[in-house]
Amino acid sequence: MGGDTTIISTRPALANRFRVLDTLGEGAGSSVYLVSDLEEKGKQVALKVLVNDEAFDEHTLERFRDEMRVCRELSHPNIIQAYDFIDLGDTIAFSMEYVKGCDLGSMFYEKKEFTSKEIDWIFSQLLSALEELHKQKIVHRDLKLENILIREDGVVKLSDLGLMKDLNTRGMTRAGVLLGTAQYMPPEYIRSSKYDGRGDLYSVGIMLLEILTGKRRLADKPGMEAIEHLIKTKFEIPQLALTGLSKKYVSIIRQATQPDPKKRYQSAEEMKADFAKSDDDFSDFGGASVDSHLSVQGVSTKVFGNSRESETSVLGIAIRVMTAAFILLVAGALVYL
């Protein structure tokens, strides 16, 4: 791999410091390599290089520089350690901890079946990472299965810190620009560009839904189309999608994905506590909160109407059926006369 042509080999600032060992991933906007850092005695690290000139501008460069400064100050066993930010003039690169393992997105597509114990273990570690981020007034903003790494020894690592935002600093997202993956974006971010720690918890709820159902949310809809669909459907999670899931996980998903952030979990710690509970600790309605119960009732109301209307409707149908049957009997009798 070392002799192959990569963007690293074409950039002296990178080629003189890093020796490419493998390609970890390539996308439209960036490439990630496993490299040895010659300035750190050959230490193996992951190096991410932005390769699409249209993927960033001066504003993006400023955002990455500020956020990498914050990331370097973070130290948590469930968060990828960020190392260096490298400004190459017309592009940027940054090095980070290399994790030997697999991401949840790959496991999903390999149709990996998780036990409830494994799910609780994975999501508890993820929420521990978010607990630390939020304690430091930092939000991730791009949580998805592909950004959750599972090391070979089972340790979970939260990765892809490029869209993290320090809530203590001035806003660095331009008006009208949404950063992240549409299918995981919380309603308040799409509607008014507002985002705090509860937005990250919303994304965690969507990831849990995907892992449990084996289906990606709106996988058939690209970014803008997905956003339009979410707005049109008022961001509801269809009750049908939760059919067959345990009360515990239905409850967690319902509360994490409430459209109103005030009705969601208010902290990663609170959400993590529910993963430690048993199924018996949750109601039959699949929601620990009153609002979750109402969400299920809301779905029922849309299908069947409210209880009074349903009773009236059923009675009306019964009368019509009986009338029709009587007419048919009379008609049959006339035939034999």
Protein backbone atom coordinates (compact mmCIF):
# COMPACT_ATOMS: atom_id res chain seq x y z
CA MET A 1 0.00 0.00 0.00
CA GLY A 2 2.89 2.31 0.77
CA GLY A 3 3.85 2.60 -2.91
CA ASP A 4 0.34 3.31 -4.20
CA THR A 5 -0.64 6.82 -5.17
CA THR A 6 -2.87 8.47 -2.60
CA ILE A 7 -3.69 12.07 -1.78
CA ILE A 8 -1.08 11.72 0.96
CA SER A 9 1.69 10.95 -1.51
CA THR A 10 0.82 14.09 -3.50
CA ARG A 11 1.11 16.35 -0.44
CA PRO A 12 4.69 16.74 0.84
CA ALA A 13 3.44 17.98 4.22
CA LEU A 14 1.69 14.63 4.65
CA ALA A 15 4.07 12.35 2.75
CA ASN A 16 7.07 13.47 4.81
CA ARG A 17 5.33 12.63 8.06
CA PHE A 18 2.94 9.74 7.38
CA ARG A 19 3.51 6.35 5.80
CA VAL A 20 0.32 4.82 4.41
CA LEU A 21 -0.42 1.30 5.62
CA ASP A 22 -3.97 0.84 4.44
CA THR A 23 -7.08 2.66 3.18
CA LEU A 24 -9.80 2.58 5.81
CA GLY A 25 -12.50 4.38 3.88
CA GLU A 26 -13.18 6.66 0.94
CA GLY A 27 -16.14 8.95 0.44
CA ALA A 28 -17.25 11.84 -1.75
CA GLY A 29 -15.69 14.41 0.55
CA SER A 30 -12.87 12.65 2.36
CA SER A 31 -10.57 9.65 2.59
CA VAL A 32 -9.35 7.92 5.74
CA TYR A 33 -6.06 6.04 5.93
CA LEU A 34 -4.27 3.89 8.44
CA VAL A 35 -0.82 5.45 8.65
CA SER A 36 2.29 5.36 10.77
CA ASP A 37 3.19 8.76 12.18
CA LEU A 38 6.95 9.21 11.79
CA GLU A 39 6.91 12.15 14.17
CA GLU A 40 5.46 9.88 16.87
CA LYS A 41 7.94 6.99 16.50
CA GLY A 42 5.82 5.23 13.92
CA LYS A 43 2.65 5.18 16.00
CA GLN A 44 -0.31 3.88 14.02
CA VAL A 45 -3.08 6.47 13.66
CA ALA A 46 -6.05 7.13 11.42
CA LEU A 47 -5.59 10.10 9.09
CA LYS A 48 -8.63 11.77 7.54
CA VAL A 49 -8.07 14.05 4.55
CA LEU A 50 -10.75 16.20 2.93
CA VAL A 51 -10.44 15.62 -0.79
CA ASN A 52 -13.39 17.48 -2.29
CA ASP A 53 -12.72 21.19 -2.81
CA GLU A 54 -16.46 21.81 -2.79
CA ALA A 55 -16.88 20.04 0.55
CA PHE A 56 -15.45 22.94 2.52
CA ASP A 57 -14.64 26.64 2.42
CA GLU A 58 -13.05 29.18 4.75
CA HIS A 59 -16.00 28.86 7.13
CA THR A 60 -15.59 25.08 7.25
CA LEU A 61 -11.86 25.41 7.81
CA GLU A 62 -12.51 27.70 10.77
CA ARG A 63 -15.07 25.29 12.18
CA PHE A 64 -12.76 22.29 11.89
CA ARG A 65 -9.85 24.15 13.48
CA ASP A 66 -11.96 25.26 16.43
CA GLU A 67 -13.58 21.89 16.94
CA MET A 68 -10.32 19.95 16.71
CA ARG A 69 -8.92 22.21 19.41
CA VAL A 70 -11.82 21.19 21.64
CA CYS A 71 -11.52 17.51 20.70
CA ARG A 72 -7.86 17.34 21.65
CA GLU A 73 -8.82 18.36 25.16
CA LEU A 74 -11.24 15.44 25.50
CA SER A 75 -10.12 12.22 27.14
CA HIS A 76 -12.66 9.43 27.60
CA PRO A 77 -12.44 5.67 27.02
CA ASN A 78 -15.47 5.73 24.70
CA ILE A 79 -14.43 8.71 22.56
CA ILE A 80 -11.92 8.58 19.71
CA GLN A 81 -8.87 10.57 20.73
CA ALA A 82 -8.11 13.43 18.33
CA TYR A 83 -4.44 14.24 17.73
CA ASP A 84 -3.42 16.81 15.13
CA PHE A 85 -5.12 19.26 12.78
CA ILE A 86 -3.13 19.84 9.59
CA ASP A 87 -3.88 22.88 7.45
CA LEU A 88 -2.70 22.23 3.88
CA GLY A 89 -3.90 25.51 2.44
CA ASP A 90 -6.42 24.24 -0.08
CA THR A 91 -7.47 21.28 2.02
CA ILE A 92 -7.21 19.97 5.57
CA ALA A 93 -6.36 16.74 7.36
CA PHE A 94 -6.47 15.52 10.91
CA SER A 95 -5.09 12.51 12.72
CA MET A 96 -6.89 10.52 15.37
CA GLU A 97 -6.80 7.31 17.36
CA TYR A 98 -6.93 4.15 15.23
CA VAL A 99 -9.53 1.61 16.34
CA LYS A 100 -9.13 -1.96 15.17
CA GLY A 101 -12.60 -3.34 14.89
CA CYS A 102 -15.84 -2.65 13.04
CA ASP A 103 -18.49 0.05 12.92
CA LEU A 104 -22.17 -0.52 13.67
CA GLY A 105 -23.13 0.38 10.11
CA SER A 106 -21.06 -2.49 8.71
CA MET A 107 -22.47 -4.86 11.30
CA PHE A 108 -25.96 -3.73 10.33
CA TYR A 109 -25.42 -4.54 6.65
CA GLU A 110 -23.86 -7.87 7.57
CA LYS A 111 -27.18 -8.54 9.34
CA LYS A 112 -25.50 -9.02 12.69
CA GLU A 113 -28.08 -10.06 15.28
CA PHE A 114 -27.48 -8.53 18.70
CA THR A 115 -28.69 -9.96 21.97
CA SER A 116 -30.44 -7.60 24.36
CA LYS A 117 -27.37 -7.80 26.59
CA GLU A 118 -25.12 -6.69 23.72
CA ILE A 119 -27.48 -3.84 22.81
CA ASP A 120 -27.52 -2.59 26.39
CA TRP A 121 -23.71 -2.81 26.53
CA ILE A 122 -23.19 -0.91 23.27
CA PHE A 123 -25.70 1.85 23.92
CA SER A 124 -24.65 2.31 27.53
CA GLN A 125 -21.06 2.94 26.41
CA LEU A 126 -22.24 5.28 23.67
CA LEU A 127 -24.29 7.25 26.17
CA SER A 128 -21.31 7.40 28.52
CA ALA A 129 -19.38 9.08 25.71
CA LEU A 130 -22.22 11.54 25.11
CA GLU A 131 -22.50 12.17 28.83
CA GLU A 132 -18.88 13.35 28.79
CA LEU A 133 -19.35 15.46 25.65
CA HIS A 134 -22.45 17.16 27.00
CA LYS A 135 -20.78 17.77 30.34
CA GLN A 136 -18.15 19.72 28.39
CA LYS A 137 -20.96 21.61 26.60
CA ILE A 138 -20.20 19.85 23.31
CA VAL A 139 -22.71 18.20 20.95
CA HIS A 140 -21.83 15.68 18.26
CA ARG A 141 -24.46 16.53 15.59
CA ASP A 142 -23.71 13.59 13.29
CA LEU A 143 -24.55 10.45 15.22
CA LYS A 144 -25.27 7.45 13.02
CA LEU A 145 -24.40 3.75 12.94
CA GLU A 146 -21.26 4.32 10.86
CA ASN A 147 -19.81 6.63 13.51
CA ILE A 148 -20.03 4.07 16.31
CA LEU A 149 -16.96 1.81 16.34
CA ILE A 150 -16.75 -1.49 18.21
CA ARG A 151 -13.18 -2.39 19.08
CA GLU A 152 -12.16 -6.05 18.94
CA ASP A 153 -12.36 -6.29 22.73
CA GLY A 154 -15.93 -4.92 22.75
CA VAL A 155 -15.13 -1.35 23.77
CA VAL A 156 -17.35 1.20 21.99
CA LYS A 157 -15.72 4.28 20.48
CA LEU A 158 -17.61 7.36 19.30
CA SER A 159 -15.97 8.67 16.13
CA ASP A 160 -16.23 11.22 13.33
CA LEU A 161 -15.94 14.34 15.42
CA GLY A 162 -15.89 16.71 12.44
CA LEU A 163 -19.33 18.20 13.10
CA MET A 164 -18.98 18.53 16.86
CA LYS A 165 -19.84 21.94 18.21
CA ASP A 166 -18.69 23.66 21.38
CA LEU A 167 -21.83 25.26 22.81
CA ASN A 168 -19.65 27.73 24.71
CA THR A 169 -18.43 29.34 21.49
CA ARG A 170 -20.28 31.58 19.08
CA GLY A 171 -22.46 29.87 16.50
CA MET A 172 -20.40 28.62 13.60
CA THR A 173 -23.14 27.19 11.42
CA ARG A 174 -24.37 29.51 8.73
CA ALA A 175 -28.07 30.30 8.58
CA GLY A 176 -29.94 27.86 6.38
CA VAL A 177 -27.12 25.28 6.40
CA LEU A 178 -27.91 21.94 8.05
CA LEU A 179 -24.96 19.75 8.99
CA GLY A 180 -25.30 16.01 9.53
CA THR A 181 -27.37 13.11 8.15
CA ALA A 182 -31.02 13.95 7.46
CA GLN A 183 -32.50 10.67 8.72
CA TYR A 184 -31.05 11.28 12.19
CA MET A 185 -31.71 15.00 12.53
CA PRO A 186 -34.03 16.06 15.37
CA PRO A 187 -37.16 18.07 14.45
CA GLU A 188 -36.02 21.30 16.12
CA TYR A 189 -32.81 21.33 14.10
CA ILE A 190 -34.62 20.90 10.79
CA ARG A 191 -37.29 23.46 11.69
CA SER A 192 -35.20 26.18 13.31
CA SER A 193 -31.52 25.09 13.32
CA LYS A 194 -31.62 24.67 17.11
CA TYR A 195 -29.49 21.88 18.52
CA ASP A 196 -28.42 20.80 22.01
CA GLY A 197 -27.61 17.54 23.76
CA ARG A 198 -31.18 16.32 23.42
CA GLY A 199 -30.70 16.36 19.66
CA ASP A 200 -27.91 13.79 20.06
CA LEU A 201 -30.23 11.64 22.17
CA TYR A 202 -32.85 11.78 19.41
CA SER A 203 -30.25 10.35 17.02
CA VAL A 204 -29.44 7.59 19.50
CA GLY A 205 -33.13 6.66 19.55
CA ILE A 206 -33.14 6.37 15.75
CA MET A 207 -30.02 4.20 15.81
CA LEU A 208 -31.64 1.88 18.37
CA LEU A 209 -34.72 1.62 16.15
CA GLU A 210 -32.56 0.67 13.15
CA ILE A 211 -30.57 -1.95 15.04
CA LEU A 212 -33.70 -3.59 16.45
CA THR A 213 -35.78 -3.58 13.26
CA GLY A 214 -32.99 -4.27 10.77
CA LYS A 215 -34.20 -1.34 8.66
CA ARG A 216 -32.54 1.99 7.99
CA ARG A 217 -34.82 4.95 8.49
CA LEU A 218 -35.93 6.38 5.12
CA ALA A 219 -33.09 4.54 3.38
CA ASP A 220 -34.83 5.06 0.04
CA LYS A 221 -34.94 8.84 0.41
CA PRO A 222 -31.92 11.11 -0.18
CA GLY A 223 -31.21 14.11 2.07
CA MET A 224 -33.74 16.75 1.03
CA GLU A 225 -36.41 14.20 0.20
CA ALA A 226 -35.98 12.64 3.65
CA ILE A 227 -36.33 16.05 5.31
CA GLU A 228 -39.51 16.81 3.35
CA HIS A 229 -40.95 13.42 4.34
CA LEU A 230 -40.13 13.95 8.02
CA ILE A 231 -41.80 17.37 8.03
CA LYS A 232 -44.84 16.01 6.21
CA THR A 233 -45.26 13.12 8.68
CA LYS A 234 -44.50 15.36 11.69
CA PHE A 235 -41.46 13.24 12.54
CA GLU A 236 -43.62 10.42 13.88
CA ILE A 237 -42.25 6.93 14.42
CA PRO A 238 -45.00 4.62 13.05
CA GLN A 239 -46.37 2.26 15.68
CA LEU A 240 -46.09 -0.53 13.11
CA ALA A 241 -42.30 -0.08 13.10
CA LEU A 242 -42.24 -0.91 16.82
CA THR A 243 -44.37 -4.03 16.59
CA GLY A 244 -42.67 -7.04 18.14
CA LEU A 245 -40.10 -5.06 20.12
CA SER A 246 -39.83 -5.38 23.88
CA LYS A 247 -41.59 -2.85 26.11
CA LYS A 248 -38.23 -1.59 27.29
CA TYR A 249 -36.89 -0.71 23.86
CA VAL A 250 -40.20 0.69 22.61
CA SER A 251 -40.25 2.96 25.64
CA ILE A 252 -36.68 4.13 25.11
CA ILE A 253 -37.25 4.81 21.41
CA ARG A 254 -40.52 6.63 22.07
CA GLN A 255 -39.05 8.91 24.70
CA ALA A 256 -35.80 9.58 22.87
CA THR A 257 -37.58 10.56 19.64
CA GLN A 258 -40.30 12.81 21.01
CA PRO A 259 -40.71 15.74 18.57
CA ASP A 260 -40.70 18.14 21.50
CA PRO A 261 -37.21 18.10 23.08
CA LYS A 262 -38.72 19.00 26.47
CA LYS A 263 -40.48 15.63 26.49
CA ARG A 264 -37.38 13.61 25.60
CA TYR A 265 -34.70 12.35 27.90
CA GLN A 266 -33.06 15.45 29.28
CA SER A 267 -29.62 13.91 29.66
CA ALA A 268 -27.51 11.01 28.42
CA GLU A 269 -27.30 9.81 32.00
CA GLU A 270 -31.09 9.57 32.24
CA MET A 271 -31.31 7.62 28.98
CA LYS A 272 -28.45 5.29 29.99
CA ALA A 273 -30.28 4.46 33.22
CA ASP A 274 -33.19 3.00 31.22
CA PHE A 275 -30.87 0.56 29.42
CA ALA A 276 -29.96 -0.84 32.85
CA LYS A 277 -33.60 -1.63 33.64
CA SER A 278 -35.52 -4.81 32.87
CA ASP A 279 -38.53 -5.13 30.60
CA ASP A 280 -40.83 -5.37 33.62
CA ASP A 281 -39.94 -1.82 34.61
CA PHE A 282 -41.85 -0.44 31.62
CA SER A 283 -45.56 -0.11 30.88
CA ASP A 284 -47.53 -2.22 28.40
CA PHE A 285 -47.97 0.82 26.20
CA GLY A 286 -44.27 0.82 25.28
CA GLY A 287 -43.65 4.18 26.86
CA ALA A 288 -42.36 5.18 30.27
CA SER A 289 -43.80 8.66 29.95
CA VAL A 290 -47.37 9.86 29.64
CA ASP A 291 -46.49 11.52 26.35
CA SER A 292 -45.22 8.23 24.92
CA HIS A 293 -48.57 6.65 25.86
CA LEU A 294 -50.38 9.48 24.12
CA SER A 295 -48.26 8.99 21.01
CA VAL A 296 -49.50 5.42 20.75
CA GLN A 297 -53.07 6.55 21.35
CA GLY A 298 -52.59 9.18 18.67
CA VAL A 299 -51.72 6.49 16.15
CA SER A 300 -54.78 4.51 17.18
CA THR A 301 -57.00 7.58 16.91
CA LYS A 302 -55.83 8.24 13.37
CA VAL A 303 -56.70 4.70 12.35
CA PHE A 304 -59.88 4.14 14.35
CA GLY A 305 -60.97 7.59 15.52
CA ASN A 306 -61.53 8.46 19.17
CA SER A 307 -63.39 6.04 21.44
CA ARG A 308 -66.79 7.81 21.30
CA GLU A 309 -66.62 8.19 17.54
CA SER A 310 -65.49 4.58 17.21
CA GLU A 311 -68.43 3.31 19.26
CA THR A 312 -70.87 5.37 17.17
CA SER A 313 -69.19 4.22 13.99
CA VAL A 314 -69.32 0.54 14.99
CA LEU A 315 -72.98 0.84 15.96
CA GLY A 316 -73.77 2.52 12.64
CA ILE A 317 -71.99 -0.20 10.70
CA ALA A 318 -73.83 -2.92 12.64
CA ILE A 319 -77.22 -1.33 11.88
CA ARG A 320 -76.35 -1.04 8.18
CA VAL A 321 -75.21 -4.67 8.02
CA MET A 322 -78.38 -5.88 9.75
CA THR A 323 -80.55 -3.77 7.40
CA ALA A 324 -78.77 -5.14 4.35
CA ALA A 325 -79.20 -8.69 5.61
CA PHE A 326 -82.94 -8.11 6.17
CA ILE A 327 -83.33 -6.74 2.63
CA LEU A 328 -81.56 -9.76 1.20
CA LEU A 329 -83.81 -12.12 3.18
CA VAL A 330 -86.94 -10.31 1.94
CA ALA A 331 -85.64 -10.36 -1.61
CA GLY A 332 -84.93 -14.08 -1.33
CA ALA A 333 -88.41 -14.75 -0.04
CA LEU A 334 -89.98 -12.83 -2.95
CA VAL A 335 -88.07 -14.99 -5.41
CA TYR A 336 -89.78 -18.11 -4.09
CA LEU A 337 -93.27 -16.56 -4.05
